[in-house]
Amino acid sequence: MPRFFSEIATRPARAAQMWQILVAKARNRQTATYSEVADILGFKGARTLAPILDYIYRYCSQNKLPLLNVIVVNQESGLPGIGLDIDMNAEREKVFRFDWYDVVPPAFDELQAAYKKGA
């Protein structure tokens, strides 16, 4: 029987769902606005995304992957809302060039472990 993300209300589950969205965007060399991602996830507002994106950031950072979360951007500035001291344009290009379809998507517990480790 299939499971549905809409029925799993945990942040690690939603981060796994968001991973899929971002990999597809990265493959097409696209960014996504916070509101666009919130809409795809069925959220009422984009403010709930920051904690979920943090799971993806920590997982990528700890596993030496390009920071997939940097392609989620503010609609007006075109920049991610994270305060990292990195060259965002260079990091975005790393994300776009990386073969994300060669990476097995992280499981809920892997995302949770990365989040806890980085806390």
PDB file of N, CA and C in Angstrom:
ATOM      1  N   MET A   1       0.842  -1.186   0.000  1.00  0.00           N
ATOM      2  CA  MET A   1       0.000   0.000   0.000  1.00  0.00           C
ATOM      3  C   MET A   1       0.888   1.249   0.000  1.00  0.00           C
ATOM      4  N   PRO A   2       0.627   2.201  -0.866  1.00  0.00           N
ATOM      5  CA  PRO A   2       1.476   3.399  -0.922  1.00  0.00           C
ATOM      6  C   PRO A   2       1.314   4.272   0.314  1.00  0.00           C
ATOM      7  N   ARG A   3       2.399   4.980   0.610  1.00  0.00           N
ATOM      8  CA  ARG A   3       2.363   5.986   1.676  1.00  0.00           C
ATOM      9  C   ARG A   3       2.327   7.351   1.009  1.00  0.00           C
ATOM     10  N   PHE A   4       1.739   8.326   1.684  1.00  0.00           N
ATOM     11  CA  PHE A   4       1.612   9.665   1.129  1.00  0.00           C
ATOM     12  C   PHE A   4       2.241  10.680   2.080  1.00  0.00           C
ATOM     13  N   PHE A   5       3.048  11.564   1.502  1.00  0.00           N
ATOM     14  CA  PHE A   5       3.683  12.593   2.315  1.00  0.00           C
ATOM     15  C   PHE A   5       2.658  13.455   3.040  1.00  0.00           C
ATOM     16  N   SER A   6       1.523  13.700   2.422  1.00  0.00           N
ATOM     17  CA  SER A   6       0.499  14.534   3.047  1.00  0.00           C
ATOM     18  C   SER A   6      -0.039  13.920   4.334  1.00  0.00           C
ATOM     19  N   GLU A   7       0.188  12.628   4.516  1.00  0.00           N
ATOM     20  CA  GLU A   7      -0.272  11.945   5.722  1.00  0.00           C
ATOM     21  C   GLU A   7       0.826  11.795   6.778  1.00  0.00           C
ATOM     22  N   ILE A   8       2.034  12.207   6.428  1.00  0.00           N
ATOM     23  CA  ILE A   8       3.164  12.114   7.352  1.00  0.00           C
ATOM     24  C   ILE A   8       3.571  13.537   7.719  1.00  0.00           C
ATOM     25  N   ALA A   9       3.253  13.961   8.902  1.00  0.00           N
ATOM     26  CA  ALA A   9       3.436  15.365   9.274  1.00  0.00           C
ATOM     27  C   ALA A   9       4.749  15.635  10.008  1.00  0.00           C
ATOM     28  N   THR A  10       5.816  14.946   9.638  1.00  0.00           N
ATOM     29  CA  THR A  10       7.090  15.202  10.295  1.00  0.00           C
ATOM     30  C   THR A  10       7.995  16.029   9.391  1.00  0.00           C
ATOM     31  N   ARG A  11       8.888  16.764   9.991  1.00  0.00           N
ATOM     32  CA  ARG A  11       9.827  17.562   9.192  1.00  0.00           C
ATOM     33  C   ARG A  11      10.764  16.689   8.364  1.00  0.00           C
ATOM     34  N   PRO A  12      11.295  15.585   8.914  1.00  0.00           N
ATOM     35  CA  PRO A  12      12.150  14.742   8.064  1.00  0.00           C
ATOM     36  C   PRO A  12      11.404  14.200   6.846  1.00  0.00           C
ATOM     37  N   ALA A  13      10.139  13.847   7.006  1.00  0.00           N
ATOM     38  CA  ALA A  13       9.356  13.354   5.865  1.00  0.00           C
ATOM     39  C   ALA A  13       9.168  14.456   4.839  1.00  0.00           C
ATOM     40  N   ARG A  14       8.857  15.646   5.299  1.00  0.00           N
ATOM     41  CA  ARG A  14       8.677  16.763   4.371  1.00  0.00           C
ATOM     42  C   ARG A  14       9.993  17.152   3.721  1.00  0.00           C
ATOM     43  N   ALA A  15      11.112  16.988   4.432  1.00  0.00           N
ATOM     44  CA  ALA A  15      12.424  17.255   3.832  1.00  0.00           C
ATOM     45  C   ALA A  15      12.708  16.235   2.725  1.00  0.00           C
ATOM     46  N   ALA A  16      12.326  14.983   2.941  1.00  0.00           N
ATOM     47  CA  ALA A  16      12.496  13.963   1.906  1.00  0.00           C
ATOM     48  C   ALA A  16      11.646  14.288   0.686  1.00  0.00           C
ATOM     49  N   GLN A  17      10.452  14.789   0.928  1.00  0.00           N
ATOM     50  CA  GLN A  17       9.581  15.203  -0.176  1.00  0.00           C
ATOM     51  C   GLN A  17      10.200  16.388  -0.914  1.00  0.00           C
ATOM     52  N   MET A  18      10.696  17.356  -0.159  1.00  0.00           N
ATOM     53  CA  MET A  18      11.303  18.538  -0.763  1.00  0.00           C
ATOM     54  C   MET A  18      12.554  18.162  -1.554  1.00  0.00           C
ATOM     55  N   TRP A  19      13.296  17.175  -1.072  1.00  0.00           N
ATOM     56  CA  TRP A  19      14.488  16.693  -1.779  1.00  0.00           C
ATOM     57  C   TRP A  19      14.127  16.351  -3.224  1.00  0.00           C
ATOM     58  N   GLN A  20      13.038  15.638  -3.398  1.00  0.00           N
ATOM     59  CA  GLN A  20      12.611  15.234  -4.740  1.00  0.00           C
ATOM     60  C   GLN A  20      12.316  16.442  -5.623  1.00  0.00           C
ATOM     61  N   ILE A  21      11.655  17.406  -5.063  1.00  0.00           N
ATOM     62  CA  ILE A  21      11.315  18.628  -5.798  1.00  0.00           C
ATOM     63  C   ILE A  21      12.587  19.347  -6.229  1.00  0.00           C
ATOM     64  N   LEU A  22      13.519  19.484  -5.291  1.00  0.00           N
ATOM     65  CA  LEU A  22      14.743  20.234  -5.570  1.00  0.00           C
ATOM     66  C   LEU A  22      15.651  19.508  -6.555  1.00  0.00           C
ATOM     67  N   VAL A  23      15.700  18.197  -6.484  1.00  0.00           N
ATOM     68  CA  VAL A  23      16.507  17.440  -7.444  1.00  0.00           C
ATOM     69  C   VAL A  23      15.969  17.657  -8.853  1.00  0.00           C
ATOM     70  N   ALA A  24      14.656  17.633  -9.003  1.00  0.00           N
ATOM     71  CA  ALA A  24      14.065  17.865 -10.325  1.00  0.00           C
ATOM     72  C   ALA A  24      14.382  19.281 -10.813  1.00  0.00           C
ATOM     73  N   LYS A  25      14.300  20.252  -9.926  1.00  0.00           N
ATOM     74  CA  LYS A  25      14.629  21.632 -10.298  1.00  0.00           C
ATOM     75  C   LYS A  25      16.108  21.751 -10.683  1.00  0.00           C
ATOM     76  N   ALA A  26      16.966  21.136  -9.885  1.00  0.00           N
ATOM     77  CA  ALA A  26      18.403  21.208 -10.161  1.00  0.00           C
ATOM     78  C   ALA A  26      18.732  20.592 -11.514  1.00  0.00           C
ATOM     79  N   ARG A  27      18.108  19.489 -11.829  1.00  0.00           N
ATOM     80  CA  ARG A  27      18.334  18.816 -13.109  1.00  0.00           C
ATOM     81  C   ARG A  27      17.996  19.741 -14.283  1.00  0.00           C
ATOM     82  N   ASN A  28      16.981  20.582 -14.092  1.00  0.00           N
ATOM     83  CA  ASN A  28      16.555  21.525 -15.129  1.00  0.00           C
ATOM     84  C   ASN A  28      17.214  22.896 -14.992  1.00  0.00           C
ATOM     85  N   ARG A  29      18.222  22.982 -14.102  1.00  0.00           N
ATOM     86  CA  ARG A  29      18.944  24.237 -13.857  1.00  0.00           C
ATOM     87  C   ARG A  29      17.982  25.363 -13.476  1.00  0.00           C
ATOM     88  N   GLN A  30      17.044  25.048 -12.591  1.00  0.00           N
ATOM     89  CA  GLN A  30      16.052  26.020 -12.151  1.00  0.00           C
ATOM     90  C   GLN A  30      16.163  26.258 -10.651  1.00  0.00           C
ATOM     91  N   THR A  31      15.873  27.485 -10.280  1.00  0.00           N
ATOM     92  CA  THR A  31      15.662  27.769  -8.867  1.00  0.00           C
ATOM     93  C   THR A  31      14.162  27.664  -8.608  1.00  0.00           C
ATOM     94  N   ALA A  32      13.787  27.695  -7.354  1.00  0.00           N
ATOM     95  CA  ALA A  32      12.376  27.677  -6.968  1.00  0.00           C
ATOM     96  C   ALA A  32      12.186  28.699  -5.863  1.00  0.00           C
ATOM     97  N   THR A  33      11.124  29.459  -5.937  1.00  0.00           N
ATOM     98  CA  THR A  33      10.859  30.413  -4.872  1.00  0.00           C
ATOM     99  C   THR A  33      10.274  29.676  -3.667  1.00  0.00           C
ATOM    100  N   TYR A  34      10.391  30.311  -2.520  1.00  0.00           N
ATOM    101  CA  TYR A  34       9.829  29.724  -1.306  1.00  0.00           C
ATOM    102  C   TYR A  34       8.332  29.470  -1.473  1.00  0.00           C
ATOM    103  N   SER A  35       7.641  30.422  -2.057  1.00  0.00           N
ATOM    104  CA  SER A  35       6.191  30.245  -2.219  1.00  0.00           C
ATOM    105  C   SER A  35       5.870  29.131  -3.208  1.00  0.00           C
ATOM    106  N   GLU A  36       6.679  28.967  -4.240  1.00  0.00           N
ATOM    107  CA  GLU A  36       6.465  27.888  -5.203  1.00  0.00           C
ATOM    108  C   GLU A  36       6.612  26.526  -4.517  1.00  0.00           C
ATOM    109  N   VAL A  37       7.660  26.376  -3.725  1.00  0.00           N
ATOM    110  CA  VAL A  37       7.874  25.110  -3.021  1.00  0.00           C
ATOM    111  C   VAL A  37       6.770  24.873  -2.001  1.00  0.00           C
ATOM    112  N   ALA A  38       6.390  25.916  -1.283  1.00  0.00           N
ATOM    113  CA  ALA A  38       5.299  25.780  -0.306  1.00  0.00           C
ATOM    114  C   ALA A  38       4.018  25.320  -0.993  1.00  0.00           C
ATOM    115  N   ASP A  39       3.754  25.869  -2.147  1.00  0.00           N
ATOM    116  CA  ASP A  39       2.557  25.490  -2.898  1.00  0.00           C
ATOM    117  C   ASP A  39       2.609  24.016  -3.320  1.00  0.00           C
ATOM    118  N   ILE A  40       3.752  23.572  -3.816  1.00  0.00           N
ATOM    119  CA  ILE A  40       3.903  22.172  -4.225  1.00  0.00           C
ATOM    120  C   ILE A  40       3.687  21.248  -3.025  1.00  0.00           C
ATOM    121  N   LEU A  41       4.193  21.660  -1.871  1.00  0.00           N
ATOM    122  CA  LEU A  41       4.058  20.845  -0.666  1.00  0.00           C
ATOM    123  C   LEU A  41       2.665  20.928  -0.041  1.00  0.00           C
ATOM    124  N   GLY A  42       1.868  21.872  -0.513  1.00  0.00           N
ATOM    125  CA  GLY A  42       0.528  22.040   0.041  1.00  0.00           C
ATOM    126  C   GLY A  42       0.502  22.848   1.322  1.00  0.00           C
ATOM    127  N   PHE A  43       1.535  23.661   1.543  1.00  0.00           N
ATOM    128  CA  PHE A  43       1.593  24.499   2.737  1.00  0.00           C
ATOM    129  C   PHE A  43       0.875  25.817   2.470  1.00  0.00           C
ATOM    130  N   LYS A  44       0.339  26.411   3.512  1.00  0.00           N
ATOM    131  CA  LYS A  44      -0.372  27.685   3.387  1.00  0.00           C
ATOM    132  C   LYS A  44       0.588  28.858   3.197  1.00  0.00           C
ATOM    133  N   GLY A  45       1.787  28.755   3.756  1.00  0.00           N
ATOM    134  CA  GLY A  45       2.746  29.850   3.639  1.00  0.00           C
ATOM    135  C   GLY A  45       4.157  29.337   3.539  1.00  0.00           C
ATOM    136  N   ALA A  46       5.041  30.204   3.116  1.00  0.00           N
ATOM    137  CA  ALA A  46       6.430  29.808   2.889  1.00  0.00           C
ATOM    138  C   ALA A  46       7.278  29.840   4.157  1.00  0.00           C
ATOM    139  N   ARG A  47       6.787  30.454   5.215  1.00  0.00           N
ATOM    140  CA  ARG A  47       7.579  30.580   6.444  1.00  0.00           C
ATOM    141  C   ARG A  47       7.914  29.240   7.080  1.00  0.00           C
ATOM    142  N   THR A  48       7.124  28.240   6.809  1.00  0.00           N
ATOM    143  CA  THR A  48       7.352  26.920   7.396  1.00  0.00           C
ATOM    144  C   THR A  48       8.487  26.168   6.717  1.00  0.00           C
ATOM    145  N   LEU A  49       9.052  26.699   5.648  1.00  0.00           N
ATOM    146  CA  LEU A  49      10.064  25.981   4.887  1.00  0.00           C
ATOM    147  C   LEU A  49      11.458  26.017   5.503  1.00  0.00           C
ATOM    148  N   ALA A  50      11.803  27.069   6.203  1.00  0.00           N
ATOM    149  CA  ALA A  50      13.177  27.198   6.719  1.00  0.00           C
ATOM    150  C   ALA A  50      13.603  26.008   7.570  1.00  0.00           C
ATOM    151  N   PRO A  51      12.801  25.561   8.522  1.00  0.00           N
ATOM    152  CA  PRO A  51      13.248  24.403   9.310  1.00  0.00           C
ATOM    153  C   PRO A  51      13.397  23.136   8.470  1.00  0.00           C
ATOM    154  N   ILE A  52      12.564  22.969   7.472  1.00  0.00           N
ATOM    155  CA  ILE A  52      12.628  21.787   6.618  1.00  0.00           C
ATOM    156  C   ILE A  52      13.868  21.863   5.722  1.00  0.00           C
ATOM    157  N   LEU A  53      14.144  23.030   5.189  1.00  0.00           N
ATOM    158  CA  LEU A  53      15.347  23.213   4.368  1.00  0.00           C
ATOM    159  C   LEU A  53      16.617  22.969   5.175  1.00  0.00           C
ATOM    160  N   ASP A  54      16.539  23.217   6.475  1.00  0.00           N
ATOM    161  CA  ASP A  54      17.696  23.000   7.341  1.00  0.00           C
ATOM    162  C   ASP A  54      18.096  21.522   7.364  1.00  0.00           C
ATOM    163  N   TYR A  55      17.130  20.623   7.294  1.00  0.00           N
ATOM    164  CA  TYR A  55      17.433  19.188   7.230  1.00  0.00           C
ATOM    165  C   TYR A  55      18.249  18.879   5.978  1.00  0.00           C
ATOM    166  N   ILE A  56      17.843  19.463   4.866  1.00  0.00           N
ATOM    167  CA  ILE A  56      18.542  19.231   3.595  1.00  0.00           C
ATOM    168  C   ILE A  56      19.936  19.850   3.640  1.00  0.00           C
ATOM    169  N   TYR A  57      20.036  21.055   4.161  1.00  0.00           N
ATOM    170  CA  TYR A  57      21.333  21.718   4.289  1.00  0.00           C
ATOM    171  C   TYR A  57      22.298  20.867   5.115  1.00  0.00           C
ATOM    172  N   ARG A  58      21.851  20.410   6.272  1.00  0.00           N
ATOM    173  CA  ARG A  58      22.735  19.645   7.156  1.00  0.00           C
ATOM    174  C   ARG A  58      23.134  18.314   6.531  1.00  0.00           C
ATOM    175  N   TYR A  59      22.186  17.655   5.871  1.00  0.00           N
ATOM    176  CA  TYR A  59      22.494  16.381   5.228  1.00  0.00           C
ATOM    177  C   TYR A  59      23.542  16.589   4.125  1.00  0.00           C
ATOM    178  N   CYS A  60      23.331  17.581   3.291  1.00  0.00           N
ATOM    179  CA  CYS A  60      24.281  17.859   2.201  1.00  0.00           C
ATOM    180  C   CYS A  60      25.645  18.248   2.759  1.00  0.00           C
ATOM    181  N   SER A  61      25.652  19.120   3.729  1.00  0.00           N
ATOM    182  CA  SER A  61      26.896  19.593   4.314  1.00  0.00           C
ATOM    183  C   SER A  61      27.685  18.451   4.939  1.00  0.00           C
ATOM    184  N   GLN A  62      27.027  17.606   5.700  1.00  0.00           N
ATOM    185  CA  GLN A  62      27.714  16.511   6.385  1.00  0.00           C
ATOM    186  C   GLN A  62      28.166  15.407   5.433  1.00  0.00           C
ATOM    187  N   ASN A  63      27.529  15.307   4.281  1.00  0.00           N
ATOM    188  CA  ASN A  63      27.871  14.264   3.320  1.00  0.00           C
ATOM    189  C   ASN A  63      28.645  14.792   2.118  1.00  0.00           C
ATOM    190  N   LYS A  64      29.154  16.015   2.259  1.00  0.00           N
ATOM    191  CA  LYS A  64      29.992  16.645   1.228  1.00  0.00           C
ATOM    192  C   LYS A  64      29.324  16.681  -0.143  1.00  0.00           C
ATOM    193  N   LEU A  65      28.047  17.019  -0.127  1.00  0.00           N
ATOM    194  CA  LEU A  65      27.277  17.212  -1.352  1.00  0.00           C
ATOM    195  C   LEU A  65      27.098  18.708  -1.572  1.00  0.00           C
ATOM    196  N   PRO A  66      26.900  19.148  -2.809  1.00  0.00           N
ATOM    197  CA  PRO A  66      26.538  20.553  -3.014  1.00  0.00           C
ATOM    198  C   PRO A  66      25.285  20.875  -2.188  1.00  0.00           C
ATOM    199  N   LEU A  67      25.178  22.099  -1.749  1.00  0.00           N
ATOM    200  CA  LEU A  67      24.069  22.491  -0.869  1.00  0.00           C
ATOM    201  C   LEU A  67      22.787  22.675  -1.671  1.00  0.00           C
ATOM    202  N   LEU A  68      22.036  21.612  -1.792  1.00  0.00           N
ATOM    203  CA  LEU A  68      20.817  21.582  -2.599  1.00  0.00           C
ATOM    204  C   LEU A  68      19.825  22.663  -2.186  1.00  0.00           C
ATOM    205  N   ASN A  69      19.825  23.033  -0.936  1.00  0.00           N
ATOM    206  CA  ASN A  69      18.884  24.033  -0.425  1.00  0.00           C
ATOM    207  C   ASN A  69      19.087  25.428  -1.013  1.00  0.00           C
ATOM    208  N   VAL A  70      20.255  25.716  -1.608  1.00  0.00           N
ATOM    209  CA  VAL A  70      20.509  27.074  -2.108  1.00  0.00           C
ATOM    210  C   VAL A  70      19.702  27.427  -3.344  1.00  0.00           C
ATOM    211  N   ILE A  71      19.024  26.454  -3.936  1.00  0.00           N
ATOM    212  CA  ILE A  71      18.220  26.801  -5.117  1.00  0.00           C
ATOM    213  C   ILE A  71      16.797  27.216  -4.743  1.00  0.00           C
ATOM    214  N   VAL A  72      16.489  27.241  -3.454  1.00  0.00           N
ATOM    215  CA  VAL A  72      15.218  27.813  -2.998  1.00  0.00           C
ATOM    216  C   VAL A  72      15.507  29.269  -2.652  1.00  0.00           C
ATOM    217  N   VAL A  73      14.836  30.174  -3.362  1.00  0.00           N
ATOM    218  CA  VAL A  73      15.198  31.591  -3.287  1.00  0.00           C
ATOM    219  C   VAL A  73      14.004  32.492  -2.979  1.00  0.00           C
ATOM    220  N   ASN A  74      14.345  33.663  -2.496  1.00  0.00           N
ATOM    221  CA  ASN A  74      13.357  34.714  -2.279  1.00  0.00           C
ATOM    222  C   ASN A  74      12.919  35.250  -3.634  1.00  0.00           C
ATOM    223  N   GLN A  75      11.637  35.437  -3.802  1.00  0.00           N
ATOM    224  CA  GLN A  75      11.086  35.871  -5.087  1.00  0.00           C
ATOM    225  C   GLN A  75      11.640  37.216  -5.529  1.00  0.00           C
ATOM    226  N   GLU A  76      11.853  38.126  -4.590  1.00  0.00           N
ATOM    227  CA  GLU A  76      12.310  39.463  -4.965  1.00  0.00           C
ATOM    228  C   GLU A  76      13.824  39.562  -5.133  1.00  0.00           C
ATOM    229  N   SER A  77      14.569  38.968  -4.208  1.00  0.00           N
ATOM    230  CA  SER A  77      16.029  39.099  -4.276  1.00  0.00           C
ATOM    231  C   SER A  77      16.674  38.041  -5.160  1.00  0.00           C
ATOM    232  N   GLY A  78      15.990  36.911  -5.361  1.00  0.00           N
ATOM    233  CA  GLY A  78      16.575  35.818  -6.136  1.00  0.00           C
ATOM    234  C   GLY A  78      17.656  35.071  -5.378  1.00  0.00           C
ATOM    235  N   LEU A  79      17.748  35.324  -4.078  1.00  0.00           N
ATOM    236  CA  LEU A  79      18.774  34.702  -3.241  1.00  0.00           C
ATOM    237  C   LEU A  79      18.135  33.808  -2.186  1.00  0.00           C
ATOM    238  N   PRO A  80      18.880  32.797  -1.753  1.00  0.00           N
ATOM    239  CA  PRO A  80      18.375  31.978  -0.653  1.00  0.00           C
ATOM    240  C   PRO A  80      18.317  32.815   0.616  1.00  0.00           C
ATOM    241  N   GLY A  81      17.453  32.449   1.500  1.00  0.00           N
ATOM    242  CA  GLY A  81      17.289  33.198   2.748  1.00  0.00           C
ATOM    243  C   GLY A  81      18.192  32.698   3.852  1.00  0.00           C
ATOM    244  N   ILE A  82      19.281  32.047   3.501  1.00  0.00           N
ATOM    245  CA  ILE A  82      20.179  31.505   4.506  1.00  0.00           C
ATOM    246  C   ILE A  82      21.387  32.403   4.651  1.00  0.00           C
ATOM    247  N   GLY A  83      21.943  32.466   5.830  1.00  0.00           N
ATOM    248  CA  GLY A  83      23.077  33.338   6.092  1.00  0.00           C
ATOM    249  C   GLY A  83      24.402  32.610   6.057  1.00  0.00           C
ATOM    250  N   LEU A  84      24.687  31.934   4.973  1.00  0.00           N
ATOM    251  CA  LEU A  84      25.951  31.222   4.853  1.00  0.00           C
ATOM    252  C   LEU A  84      27.006  32.137   4.247  1.00  0.00           C
ATOM    253  N   ASP A  85      28.218  31.974   4.705  1.00  0.00           N
ATOM    254  CA  ASP A  85      29.325  32.772   4.189  1.00  0.00           C
ATOM    255  C   ASP A  85      29.991  32.021   3.033  1.00  0.00           C
ATOM    256  N   ILE A  86      29.233  31.908   1.925  1.00  0.00           N
ATOM    257  CA  ILE A  86      29.735  31.215   0.736  1.00  0.00           C
ATOM    258  C   ILE A  86      29.338  32.022  -0.495  1.00  0.00           C
ATOM    259  N   ASP A  87      29.962  31.727  -1.599  1.00  0.00           N
ATOM    260  CA  ASP A  87      29.591  32.339  -2.871  1.00  0.00           C
ATOM    261  C   ASP A  87      28.348  31.608  -3.378  1.00  0.00           C
ATOM    262  N   MET A  88      27.194  32.223  -3.231  1.00  0.00           N
ATOM    263  CA  MET A  88      25.921  31.573  -3.574  1.00  0.00           C
ATOM    264  C   MET A  88      25.840  31.214  -5.055  1.00  0.00           C
ATOM    265  N   ASN A  89      26.368  32.076  -5.922  1.00  0.00           N
ATOM    266  CA  ASN A  89      26.332  31.773  -7.354  1.00  0.00           C
ATOM    267  C   ASN A  89      27.161  30.530  -7.673  1.00  0.00           C
ATOM    268  N   ALA A  90      28.337  30.435  -7.076  1.00  0.00           N
ATOM    269  CA  ALA A  90      29.196  29.274  -7.305  1.00  0.00           C
ATOM    270  C   ALA A  90      28.554  28.013  -6.741  1.00  0.00           C
ATOM    271  N   GLU A  91      27.953  28.128  -5.574  1.00  0.00           N
ATOM    272  CA  GLU A  91      27.306  26.954  -4.965  1.00  0.00           C
ATOM    273  C   GLU A  91      26.110  26.501  -5.795  1.00  0.00           C
ATOM    274  N   ARG A  92      25.341  27.463  -6.284  1.00  0.00           N
ATOM    275  CA  ARG A  92      24.202  27.119  -7.138  1.00  0.00           C
ATOM    276  C   ARG A  92      24.674  26.367  -8.389  1.00  0.00           C
ATOM    277  N   GLU A  93      25.781  26.806  -8.978  1.00  0.00           N
ATOM    278  CA  GLU A  93      26.312  26.116 -10.156  1.00  0.00           C
ATOM    279  C   GLU A  93      26.764  24.696  -9.811  1.00  0.00           C
ATOM    280  N   LYS A  94      27.323  24.514  -8.628  1.00  0.00           N
ATOM    281  CA  LYS A  94      27.698  23.162  -8.183  1.00  0.00           C
ATOM    282  C   LYS A  94      26.456  22.283  -8.113  1.00  0.00           C
ATOM    283  N   VAL A  95      25.382  22.845  -7.574  1.00  0.00           N
ATOM    284  CA  VAL A  95      24.118  22.105  -7.471  1.00  0.00           C
ATOM    285  C   VAL A  95      23.620  21.734  -8.861  1.00  0.00           C
ATOM    286  N   PHE A  96      23.658  22.666  -9.780  1.00  0.00           N
ATOM    287  CA  PHE A  96      23.165  22.420 -11.144  1.00  0.00           C
ATOM    288  C   PHE A  96      24.002  21.387 -11.888  1.00  0.00           C
ATOM    289  N   ARG A  97      25.309  21.378 -11.651  1.00  0.00           N
ATOM    290  CA  ARG A  97      26.194  20.454 -12.372  1.00  0.00           C
ATOM    291  C   ARG A  97      26.237  19.052 -11.761  1.00  0.00           C
ATOM    292  N   PHE A  98      25.814  18.917 -10.522  1.00  0.00           N
ATOM    293  CA  PHE A  98      25.924  17.641  -9.809  1.00  0.00           C
ATOM    294  C   PHE A  98      24.900  16.625 -10.327  1.00  0.00           C
ATOM    295  N   ASP A  99      25.293  15.364 -10.378  1.00  0.00           N
ATOM    296  CA  ASP A  99      24.398  14.294 -10.823  1.00  0.00           C
ATOM    297  C   ASP A  99      23.571  13.783  -9.639  1.00  0.00           C
ATOM    298  N   TRP A 100      22.495  14.491  -9.332  1.00  0.00           N
ATOM    299  CA  TRP A 100      21.645  14.156  -8.191  1.00  0.00           C
ATOM    300  C   TRP A 100      20.935  12.824  -8.364  1.00  0.00           C
ATOM    301  N   TYR A 101      20.717  12.420  -9.606  1.00  0.00           N
ATOM    302  CA  TYR A 101      20.022  11.155  -9.826  1.00  0.00           C
ATOM    303  C   TYR A 101      20.922   9.948  -9.575  1.00  0.00           C
ATOM    304  N   ASP A 102      22.191  10.191  -9.301  1.00  0.00           N
ATOM    305  CA  ASP A 102      23.088   9.110  -8.911  1.00  0.00           C
ATOM    306  C   ASP A 102      23.099   8.921  -7.389  1.00  0.00           C
ATOM    307  N   VAL A 103      22.531   9.846  -6.665  1.00  0.00           N
ATOM    308  CA  VAL A 103      22.494   9.787  -5.206  1.00  0.00           C
ATOM    309  C   VAL A 103      21.181   9.144  -4.769  1.00  0.00           C
ATOM    310  N   VAL A 104      21.275   8.120  -3.932  1.00  0.00           N
ATOM    311  CA  VAL A 104      20.059   7.540  -3.360  1.00  0.00           C
ATOM    312  C   VAL A 104      19.481   8.586  -2.403  1.00  0.00           C
ATOM    313  N   PRO A 105      18.229   8.981  -2.585  1.00  0.00           N
ATOM    314  CA  PRO A 105      17.652  10.001  -1.705  1.00  0.00           C
ATOM    315  C   PRO A 105      17.715   9.578  -0.241  1.00  0.00           C
ATOM    316  N   PRO A 106      18.004  10.520   0.641  1.00  0.00           N
ATOM    317  CA  PRO A 106      18.092  10.166   2.058  1.00  0.00           C
ATOM    318  C   PRO A 106      16.736   9.738   2.616  1.00  0.00           C
ATOM    319  N   ALA A 107      16.783   8.755   3.496  1.00  0.00           N
ATOM    320  CA  ALA A 107      15.580   8.302   4.200  1.00  0.00           C
ATOM    321  C   ALA A 107      15.260   9.281   5.327  1.00  0.00           C
ATOM    322  N   PHE A 108      14.049   9.192   5.838  1.00  0.00           N
ATOM    323  CA  PHE A 108      13.617  10.085   6.911  1.00  0.00           C
ATOM    324  C   PHE A 108      14.607  10.057   8.082  1.00  0.00           C
ATOM    325  N   ASP A 109      15.022   8.850   8.480  1.00  0.00           N
ATOM    326  CA  ASP A 109      15.909   8.732   9.638  1.00  0.00           C
ATOM    327  C   ASP A 109      17.302   9.299   9.351  1.00  0.00           C
ATOM    328  N   GLU A 110      17.757   9.242   8.107  1.00  0.00           N
ATOM    329  CA  GLU A 110      19.048   9.831   7.756  1.00  0.00           C
ATOM    330  C   GLU A 110      18.991  11.354   7.835  1.00  0.00           C
ATOM    331  N   LEU A 111      17.909  11.914   7.384  1.00  0.00           N
ATOM    332  CA  LEU A 111      17.731  13.364   7.485  1.00  0.00           C
ATOM    333  C   LEU A 111      17.636  13.791   8.950  1.00  0.00           C
ATOM    334  N   GLN A 112      16.916  13.014   9.743  1.00  0.00           N
ATOM    335  CA  GLN A 112      16.779  13.310  11.175  1.00  0.00           C
ATOM    336  C   GLN A 112      18.135  13.234  11.865  1.00  0.00           C
ATOM    337  N   ALA A 113      18.924  12.215  11.558  1.00  0.00           N
ATOM    338  CA  ALA A 113      20.236  12.059  12.163  1.00  0.00           C
ATOM    339  C   ALA A 113      21.152  13.224  11.795  1.00  0.00           C
ATOM    340  N   ALA A 114      21.121  13.645  10.541  1.00  0.00           N
ATOM    341  CA  ALA A 114      21.950  14.781  10.110  1.00  0.00           C
ATOM    342  C   ALA A 114      21.525  16.051  10.830  1.00  0.00           C
ATOM    343  N   TYR A 115      20.226  16.220  11.000  1.00  0.00           N
ATOM    344  CA  TYR A 115      19.724  17.405  11.694  1.00  0.00           C
ATOM    345  C   TYR A 115      20.195  17.410  13.146  1.00  0.00           C
ATOM    346  N   LYS A 116      20.049  16.281  13.796  1.00  0.00           N
ATOM    347  CA  LYS A 116      20.452  16.192  15.220  1.00  0.00           C
ATOM    348  C   LYS A 116      21.956  16.385  15.381  1.00  0.00           C
ATOM    349  N   LYS A 117      22.725  15.820  14.470  1.00  0.00           N
ATOM    350  CA  LYS A 117      24.177  15.935  14.524  1.00  0.00           C
ATOM    351  C   LYS A 117      24.615  17.383  14.356  1.00  0.00           C
ATOM    352  N   GLY A 118      23.899  18.129  13.520  1.00  0.00           N
ATOM    353  CA  GLY A 118      24.259  19.516  13.257  1.00  0.00           C
ATOM    354  C   GLY A 118      23.698  20.503  14.247  1.00  0.00           C
ATOM    355  N   ALA A 119      22.852  20.048  15.140  1.00  0.00           N
ATOM    356  CA  ALA A 119      22.202  20.970  16.099  1.00  0.00           C
ATOM    357  C   ALA A 119      23.150  21.437  17.168  1.00  0.00           C
TER     358      ALA A 119
END
